[in-house]
Amino acid sequence: MSDSSLRAVGWARSLPLDSSIKAARDWTRDHLRSLGWTESAPETVDAVLLTVSELVTNAHVHAHSAADLVLTWDSTCLHVTVHDSSPRLPTPRPPDTERSGGRGMLLVDALAHTWQARPCPEGKMVHACFRPPASG
């Protein structure tokens, strides 16, 4: 009989409104280091860290909410998920030279292999998937 269960490793952290984005990035970097990505996939690490910064900032600034950050590695994709208490889904907006902000989801769209946002009972979850480059 074949075991078709998924093997994954994951971490979760709640980041209250008064926590820094640096704390989210440092926590994420430590877990990516434990996967060996800081040496083997530094460009992917940079993309993940920028995405974490954007998603946690969105939770804090736009949702006025704590951010629950979950990282899950399933040997194919690093899933980065941020939950906040706002039901309002993010959407990429066209760049606007008159505003200094508003480009976060455009960055996530450019950096992640895939991303999605969906409502959940107490807010929303924004999920991005990252695949490291194939080793060869």
N, C-alpha and C. Protein backbone atom coordinates (compact mmCIF):
# COMPACT_ATOMS: atom_id res chain seq x y z
N MET A 1 0.84 -1.16 0.00
CA MET A 1 0.00 0.00 0.00
C MET A 1 0.90 1.24 0.00
N SER A 2 0.58 2.19 -0.84
CA SER A 2 1.36 3.41 -0.98
C SER A 2 0.89 4.46 0.02
N ASP A 3 1.85 5.16 0.62
CA ASP A 3 1.52 6.25 1.52
C ASP A 3 1.47 7.54 0.71
N SER A 4 0.29 8.06 0.49
CA SER A 4 0.16 9.27 -0.33
C SER A 4 0.06 10.54 0.52
N SER A 5 0.36 10.43 1.81
CA SER A 5 0.27 11.61 2.66
C SER A 5 1.39 12.59 2.31
N LEU A 6 1.11 13.84 2.55
CA LEU A 6 2.06 14.91 2.27
C LEU A 6 2.95 15.10 3.48
N ARG A 7 4.24 15.15 3.24
CA ARG A 7 5.18 15.44 4.31
C ARG A 7 5.58 16.91 4.19
N ALA A 8 5.45 17.63 5.29
CA ALA A 8 5.76 19.05 5.26
C ALA A 8 6.33 19.46 6.61
N VAL A 9 7.03 20.58 6.58
CA VAL A 9 7.53 21.19 7.80
C VAL A 9 7.00 22.62 7.81
N GLY A 10 6.62 23.10 8.99
CA GLY A 10 6.05 24.44 9.03
C GLY A 10 6.31 25.15 10.33
N TRP A 11 6.13 26.45 10.26
CA TRP A 11 6.31 27.33 11.41
C TRP A 11 5.22 28.38 11.39
N ALA A 12 4.85 28.87 12.54
CA ALA A 12 3.83 29.92 12.64
C ALA A 12 4.23 30.93 13.71
N ARG A 13 3.86 32.17 13.44
CA ARG A 13 4.15 33.23 14.41
C ARG A 13 3.08 34.32 14.29
N SER A 14 2.63 34.80 15.42
CA SER A 14 1.71 35.93 15.44
C SER A 14 2.53 37.20 15.64
N LEU A 15 2.23 38.19 14.83
CA LEU A 15 2.95 39.47 14.88
C LEU A 15 1.94 40.57 15.22
N PRO A 16 1.90 40.98 16.50
CA PRO A 16 0.95 42.03 16.88
C PRO A 16 1.25 43.34 16.17
N LEU A 17 0.30 44.25 16.22
CA LEU A 17 0.46 45.55 15.56
C LEU A 17 1.74 46.28 15.95
N ASP A 18 2.19 46.12 17.18
CA ASP A 18 3.38 46.85 17.62
C ASP A 18 4.68 46.12 17.29
N SER A 19 4.60 44.99 16.59
CA SER A 19 5.84 44.29 16.21
C SER A 19 6.41 44.90 14.94
N SER A 20 7.70 44.77 14.77
CA SER A 20 8.36 45.37 13.62
C SER A 20 8.37 44.42 12.42
N ILE A 21 8.44 45.01 11.26
CA ILE A 21 8.58 44.21 10.04
C ILE A 21 9.92 43.49 10.06
N LYS A 22 10.93 44.13 10.65
CA LYS A 22 12.24 43.48 10.78
C LYS A 22 12.12 42.18 11.56
N ALA A 23 11.31 42.17 12.61
CA ALA A 23 11.12 40.94 13.39
C ALA A 23 10.55 39.83 12.51
N ALA A 24 9.60 40.17 11.64
CA ALA A 24 9.01 39.17 10.73
C ALA A 24 10.06 38.67 9.74
N ARG A 25 10.86 39.58 9.21
CA ARG A 25 11.90 39.20 8.25
C ARG A 25 12.97 38.34 8.91
N ASP A 26 13.42 38.74 10.10
CA ASP A 26 14.47 37.97 10.79
C ASP A 26 13.98 36.56 11.12
N TRP A 27 12.74 36.46 11.60
CA TRP A 27 12.15 35.16 11.93
C TRP A 27 12.08 34.29 10.68
N THR A 28 11.63 34.88 9.57
CA THR A 28 11.53 34.14 8.31
C THR A 28 12.91 33.72 7.82
N ARG A 29 13.88 34.63 7.88
CA ARG A 29 15.24 34.32 7.42
C ARG A 29 15.82 33.14 8.21
N ASP A 30 15.59 33.10 9.51
CA ASP A 30 16.09 31.99 10.33
C ASP A 30 15.53 30.66 9.85
N HIS A 31 14.25 30.63 9.50
CA HIS A 31 13.65 29.37 9.04
C HIS A 31 14.12 29.01 7.63
N LEU A 32 14.33 30.01 6.78
CA LEU A 32 14.87 29.71 5.45
C LEU A 32 16.31 29.20 5.56
N ARG A 33 17.05 29.72 6.54
CA ARG A 33 18.41 29.22 6.78
C ARG A 33 18.36 27.75 7.19
N SER A 34 17.37 27.38 8.01
CA SER A 34 17.27 25.98 8.45
C SER A 34 16.96 25.04 7.28
N LEU A 35 16.38 25.58 6.20
CA LEU A 35 16.13 24.79 4.99
C LEU A 35 17.34 24.79 4.06
N GLY A 36 18.36 25.58 4.38
CA GLY A 36 19.55 25.67 3.54
C GLY A 36 19.41 26.64 2.39
N TRP A 37 18.35 27.42 2.38
CA TRP A 37 18.09 28.31 1.24
C TRP A 37 19.00 29.53 1.20
N THR A 38 19.50 29.99 2.35
CA THR A 38 20.32 31.20 2.32
C THR A 38 21.58 30.97 1.49
N GLU A 39 22.06 29.73 1.45
CA GLU A 39 23.22 29.41 0.63
C GLU A 39 22.82 28.94 -0.77
N SER A 40 21.79 28.11 -0.85
CA SER A 40 21.45 27.48 -2.13
C SER A 40 20.51 28.30 -3.01
N ALA A 41 19.74 29.20 -2.44
CA ALA A 41 18.75 29.95 -3.21
C ALA A 41 18.61 31.38 -2.68
N PRO A 42 19.71 32.16 -2.67
CA PRO A 42 19.65 33.50 -2.06
C PRO A 42 18.65 34.44 -2.75
N GLU A 43 18.45 34.30 -4.06
CA GLU A 43 17.49 35.16 -4.76
C GLU A 43 16.06 34.84 -4.29
N THR A 44 15.79 33.57 -4.08
CA THR A 44 14.48 33.18 -3.58
C THR A 44 14.28 33.68 -2.16
N VAL A 45 15.31 33.61 -1.35
CA VAL A 45 15.24 34.14 0.02
C VAL A 45 14.88 35.62 -0.03
N ASP A 46 15.54 36.38 -0.89
CA ASP A 46 15.24 37.81 -1.01
C ASP A 46 13.78 38.03 -1.40
N ALA A 47 13.28 37.24 -2.35
CA ALA A 47 11.89 37.36 -2.79
C ALA A 47 10.92 37.04 -1.65
N VAL A 48 11.21 35.99 -0.89
CA VAL A 48 10.35 35.61 0.23
C VAL A 48 10.37 36.72 1.29
N LEU A 49 11.53 37.24 1.62
CA LEU A 49 11.63 38.27 2.65
C LEU A 49 10.89 39.53 2.25
N LEU A 50 10.99 39.93 0.99
CA LEU A 50 10.27 41.12 0.53
C LEU A 50 8.76 40.87 0.57
N THR A 51 8.34 39.67 0.20
CA THR A 51 6.92 39.33 0.26
C THR A 51 6.41 39.33 1.69
N VAL A 52 7.16 38.75 2.61
CA VAL A 52 6.76 38.77 4.02
C VAL A 52 6.63 40.21 4.49
N SER A 53 7.58 41.05 4.13
CA SER A 53 7.52 42.47 4.51
C SER A 53 6.23 43.11 4.00
N GLU A 54 5.92 42.87 2.74
CA GLU A 54 4.72 43.48 2.15
C GLU A 54 3.44 42.97 2.80
N LEU A 55 3.34 41.65 2.98
CA LEU A 55 2.10 41.08 3.51
C LEU A 55 1.87 41.45 4.97
N VAL A 56 2.93 41.45 5.77
CA VAL A 56 2.78 41.83 7.17
C VAL A 56 2.49 43.33 7.27
N THR A 57 3.14 44.14 6.45
CA THR A 57 2.85 45.58 6.43
C THR A 57 1.40 45.82 6.05
N ASN A 58 0.91 45.10 5.04
CA ASN A 58 -0.50 45.26 4.65
C ASN A 58 -1.43 44.93 5.82
N ALA A 59 -1.13 43.86 6.53
CA ALA A 59 -1.97 43.48 7.68
C ALA A 59 -1.96 44.58 8.73
N HIS A 60 -0.79 45.10 9.04
CA HIS A 60 -0.68 46.12 10.08
C HIS A 60 -1.27 47.46 9.65
N VAL A 61 -0.93 47.90 8.43
CA VAL A 61 -1.30 49.26 8.01
C VAL A 61 -2.71 49.33 7.44
N HIS A 62 -3.06 48.40 6.56
CA HIS A 62 -4.36 48.49 5.89
C HIS A 62 -5.47 47.78 6.66
N ALA A 63 -5.16 46.66 7.29
CA ALA A 63 -6.18 45.93 8.05
C ALA A 63 -6.22 46.36 9.51
N HIS A 64 -5.20 47.12 9.96
CA HIS A 64 -5.11 47.53 11.36
C HIS A 64 -5.24 46.30 12.26
N SER A 65 -4.46 45.28 11.91
CA SER A 65 -4.62 43.97 12.53
C SER A 65 -3.27 43.35 12.82
N ALA A 66 -3.27 42.45 13.80
CA ALA A 66 -2.11 41.57 13.95
C ALA A 66 -1.99 40.74 12.68
N ALA A 67 -0.82 40.22 12.44
CA ALA A 67 -0.59 39.36 11.28
C ALA A 67 -0.16 38.00 11.79
N ASP A 68 -0.88 36.97 11.38
CA ASP A 68 -0.47 35.60 11.68
C ASP A 68 0.28 35.10 10.47
N LEU A 69 1.57 34.84 10.64
CA LEU A 69 2.45 34.44 9.55
C LEU A 69 2.74 32.96 9.67
N VAL A 70 2.50 32.22 8.59
CA VAL A 70 2.74 30.79 8.56
C VAL A 70 3.63 30.48 7.36
N LEU A 71 4.70 29.73 7.60
CA LEU A 71 5.57 29.22 6.54
C LEU A 71 5.45 27.71 6.53
N THR A 72 5.24 27.15 5.35
CA THR A 72 5.16 25.70 5.22
C THR A 72 5.96 25.28 4.00
N TRP A 73 6.88 24.33 4.20
CA TRP A 73 7.69 23.78 3.11
C TRP A 73 7.24 22.35 2.88
N ASP A 74 6.78 22.05 1.67
CA ASP A 74 6.29 20.70 1.37
C ASP A 74 7.17 19.98 0.36
N SER A 75 8.41 20.39 0.21
CA SER A 75 9.44 19.87 -0.69
C SER A 75 9.20 20.26 -2.15
N THR A 76 8.15 20.99 -2.42
CA THR A 76 7.90 21.52 -3.76
C THR A 76 7.78 23.03 -3.72
N CYS A 77 7.11 23.52 -2.71
CA CYS A 77 6.79 24.95 -2.61
C CYS A 77 6.92 25.41 -1.17
N LEU A 78 7.47 26.60 -1.00
CA LEU A 78 7.41 27.25 0.31
C LEU A 78 6.14 28.10 0.28
N HIS A 79 5.21 27.74 1.13
CA HIS A 79 3.94 28.47 1.24
C HIS A 79 4.11 29.54 2.31
N VAL A 80 3.87 30.78 1.94
CA VAL A 80 3.90 31.90 2.87
C VAL A 80 2.47 32.39 2.97
N THR A 81 1.91 32.31 4.18
CA THR A 81 0.52 32.72 4.38
C THR A 81 0.44 33.73 5.51
N VAL A 82 -0.28 34.81 5.25
CA VAL A 82 -0.51 35.82 6.28
C VAL A 82 -2.02 35.99 6.44
N HIS A 83 -2.48 35.84 7.68
CA HIS A 83 -3.89 36.05 8.01
C HIS A 83 -4.01 37.36 8.77
N ASP A 84 -5.04 38.15 8.43
CA ASP A 84 -5.36 39.33 9.22
C ASP A 84 -6.87 39.39 9.41
N SER A 85 -7.35 40.36 10.18
CA SER A 85 -8.76 40.40 10.56
C SER A 85 -9.65 41.17 9.60
N SER A 86 -9.10 41.71 8.52
CA SER A 86 -9.92 42.46 7.57
C SER A 86 -10.45 41.54 6.47
N PRO A 87 -11.74 41.65 6.15
CA PRO A 87 -12.27 40.83 5.06
C PRO A 87 -11.94 41.39 3.67
N ARG A 88 -11.41 42.60 3.62
CA ARG A 88 -11.12 43.26 2.34
C ARG A 88 -9.90 42.61 1.67
N LEU A 89 -10.11 42.06 0.47
CA LEU A 89 -9.04 41.37 -0.25
C LEU A 89 -8.14 42.37 -0.95
N PRO A 90 -6.82 42.10 -0.95
CA PRO A 90 -5.91 43.00 -1.65
C PRO A 90 -5.99 42.76 -3.16
N THR A 91 -5.73 43.81 -3.91
CA THR A 91 -5.65 43.68 -5.36
C THR A 91 -4.48 44.52 -5.84
N PRO A 92 -3.74 43.99 -6.80
CA PRO A 92 -2.65 44.81 -7.36
C PRO A 92 -3.25 46.04 -8.05
N ARG A 93 -2.66 47.19 -7.79
CA ARG A 93 -3.09 48.43 -8.43
C ARG A 93 -2.01 48.88 -9.39
N PRO A 94 -2.40 49.54 -10.46
CA PRO A 94 -1.38 50.06 -11.37
C PRO A 94 -0.49 51.06 -10.64
N PRO A 95 0.79 51.10 -10.99
CA PRO A 95 1.67 52.08 -10.35
C PRO A 95 1.14 53.50 -10.56
N ASP A 96 1.29 54.31 -9.53
CA ASP A 96 0.82 55.69 -9.58
C ASP A 96 1.99 56.57 -9.14
N THR A 97 2.46 57.41 -10.03
CA THR A 97 3.61 58.26 -9.71
C THR A 97 3.25 59.34 -8.69
N GLU A 98 1.98 59.54 -8.43
CA GLU A 98 1.54 60.54 -7.46
C GLU A 98 1.55 60.00 -6.03
N ARG A 99 1.58 58.68 -5.87
CA ARG A 99 1.55 58.05 -4.54
C ARG A 99 2.87 57.33 -4.28
N SER A 100 3.29 57.34 -3.02
CA SER A 100 4.54 56.64 -2.68
C SER A 100 4.29 55.17 -2.39
N GLY A 101 3.07 54.79 -2.04
CA GLY A 101 2.77 53.40 -1.70
C GLY A 101 1.87 52.77 -2.74
N GLY A 102 1.32 51.61 -2.36
CA GLY A 102 0.35 50.97 -3.22
C GLY A 102 0.91 49.99 -4.22
N ARG A 103 2.19 49.65 -4.09
CA ARG A 103 2.81 48.73 -5.05
C ARG A 103 3.08 47.34 -4.47
N GLY A 104 2.69 47.12 -3.23
CA GLY A 104 3.02 45.88 -2.54
C GLY A 104 2.55 44.63 -3.24
N MET A 105 1.29 44.60 -3.66
CA MET A 105 0.78 43.38 -4.29
C MET A 105 1.34 43.22 -5.70
N LEU A 106 1.71 44.32 -6.36
CA LEU A 106 2.40 44.19 -7.65
C LEU A 106 3.75 43.50 -7.45
N LEU A 107 4.43 43.84 -6.35
CA LEU A 107 5.70 43.18 -6.04
C LEU A 107 5.49 41.70 -5.75
N VAL A 108 4.50 41.40 -4.93
CA VAL A 108 4.21 40.00 -4.61
C VAL A 108 3.89 39.24 -5.89
N ASP A 109 3.10 39.84 -6.76
CA ASP A 109 2.74 39.20 -8.03
C ASP A 109 3.99 38.92 -8.88
N ALA A 110 4.94 39.83 -8.84
CA ALA A 110 6.17 39.66 -9.63
C ALA A 110 7.14 38.66 -8.99
N LEU A 111 7.14 38.55 -7.67
CA LEU A 111 8.13 37.73 -6.97
C LEU A 111 7.71 36.28 -6.76
N ALA A 112 6.44 36.06 -6.46
CA ALA A 112 5.96 34.71 -6.13
C ALA A 112 5.64 33.93 -7.39
N HIS A 113 5.76 32.61 -7.30
CA HIS A 113 5.34 31.78 -8.42
C HIS A 113 3.83 31.87 -8.60
N THR A 114 3.11 31.85 -7.49
CA THR A 114 1.67 32.07 -7.50
C THR A 114 1.30 32.78 -6.21
N TRP A 115 0.16 33.44 -6.21
CA TRP A 115 -0.38 34.01 -4.99
C TRP A 115 -1.88 34.09 -5.12
N GLN A 116 -2.54 34.12 -3.99
CA GLN A 116 -3.99 34.26 -3.96
C GLN A 116 -4.40 34.86 -2.62
N ALA A 117 -5.55 35.46 -2.62
CA ALA A 117 -6.15 35.98 -1.38
C ALA A 117 -7.56 35.43 -1.31
N ARG A 118 -7.96 35.03 -0.12
CA ARG A 118 -9.32 34.52 0.02
C ARG A 118 -9.86 34.86 1.41
N PRO A 119 -11.17 35.10 1.43
CA PRO A 119 -11.79 35.38 2.73
C PRO A 119 -11.81 34.13 3.59
N CYS A 120 -11.83 34.33 4.87
CA CYS A 120 -12.01 33.24 5.82
C CYS A 120 -12.92 33.77 6.92
N PRO A 121 -13.38 32.93 7.83
CA PRO A 121 -14.39 33.37 8.80
C PRO A 121 -14.03 34.63 9.60
N GLU A 122 -12.77 34.84 9.89
CA GLU A 122 -12.42 36.01 10.70
C GLU A 122 -11.41 36.90 9.99
N GLY A 123 -11.65 37.21 8.72
CA GLY A 123 -10.77 38.08 7.98
C GLY A 123 -10.41 37.50 6.62
N LYS A 124 -9.12 37.48 6.36
CA LYS A 124 -8.66 36.94 5.08
C LYS A 124 -7.29 36.30 5.25
N MET A 125 -6.94 35.47 4.26
CA MET A 125 -5.60 34.89 4.18
C MET A 125 -5.04 35.26 2.81
N VAL A 126 -3.78 35.69 2.82
CA VAL A 126 -3.06 35.93 1.58
C VAL A 126 -1.93 34.90 1.56
N HIS A 127 -1.87 34.18 0.47
CA HIS A 127 -0.95 33.04 0.35
C HIS A 127 -0.10 33.22 -0.90
N ALA A 128 1.20 33.01 -0.75
CA ALA A 128 2.13 33.05 -1.88
C ALA A 128 2.98 31.78 -1.87
N CYS A 129 3.30 31.29 -3.06
CA CYS A 129 4.11 30.08 -3.20
C CYS A 129 5.43 30.44 -3.86
N PHE A 130 6.51 29.90 -3.29
CA PHE A 130 7.85 30.11 -3.83
C PHE A 130 8.53 28.77 -4.06
N ARG A 131 9.09 28.59 -5.23
CA ARG A 131 9.85 27.38 -5.54
C ARG A 131 11.30 27.79 -5.75
N PRO A 132 12.21 27.15 -5.03
CA PRO A 132 13.63 27.50 -5.23
C PRO A 132 14.08 26.99 -6.60
N PRO A 133 15.12 27.61 -7.15
CA PRO A 133 15.63 27.12 -8.44
C PRO A 133 16.10 25.68 -8.29
N ALA A 134 15.92 24.92 -9.35
CA ALA A 134 16.36 23.51 -9.34
C ALA A 134 17.87 23.47 -9.18
N SER A 135 18.35 22.58 -8.34
CA SER A 135 19.79 22.44 -8.17
C SER A 135 20.32 21.59 -9.30
N GLY A 136 21.44 21.95 -9.78
CA GLY A 136 21.96 21.19 -10.91
C GLY A 136 23.37 21.32 -11.00
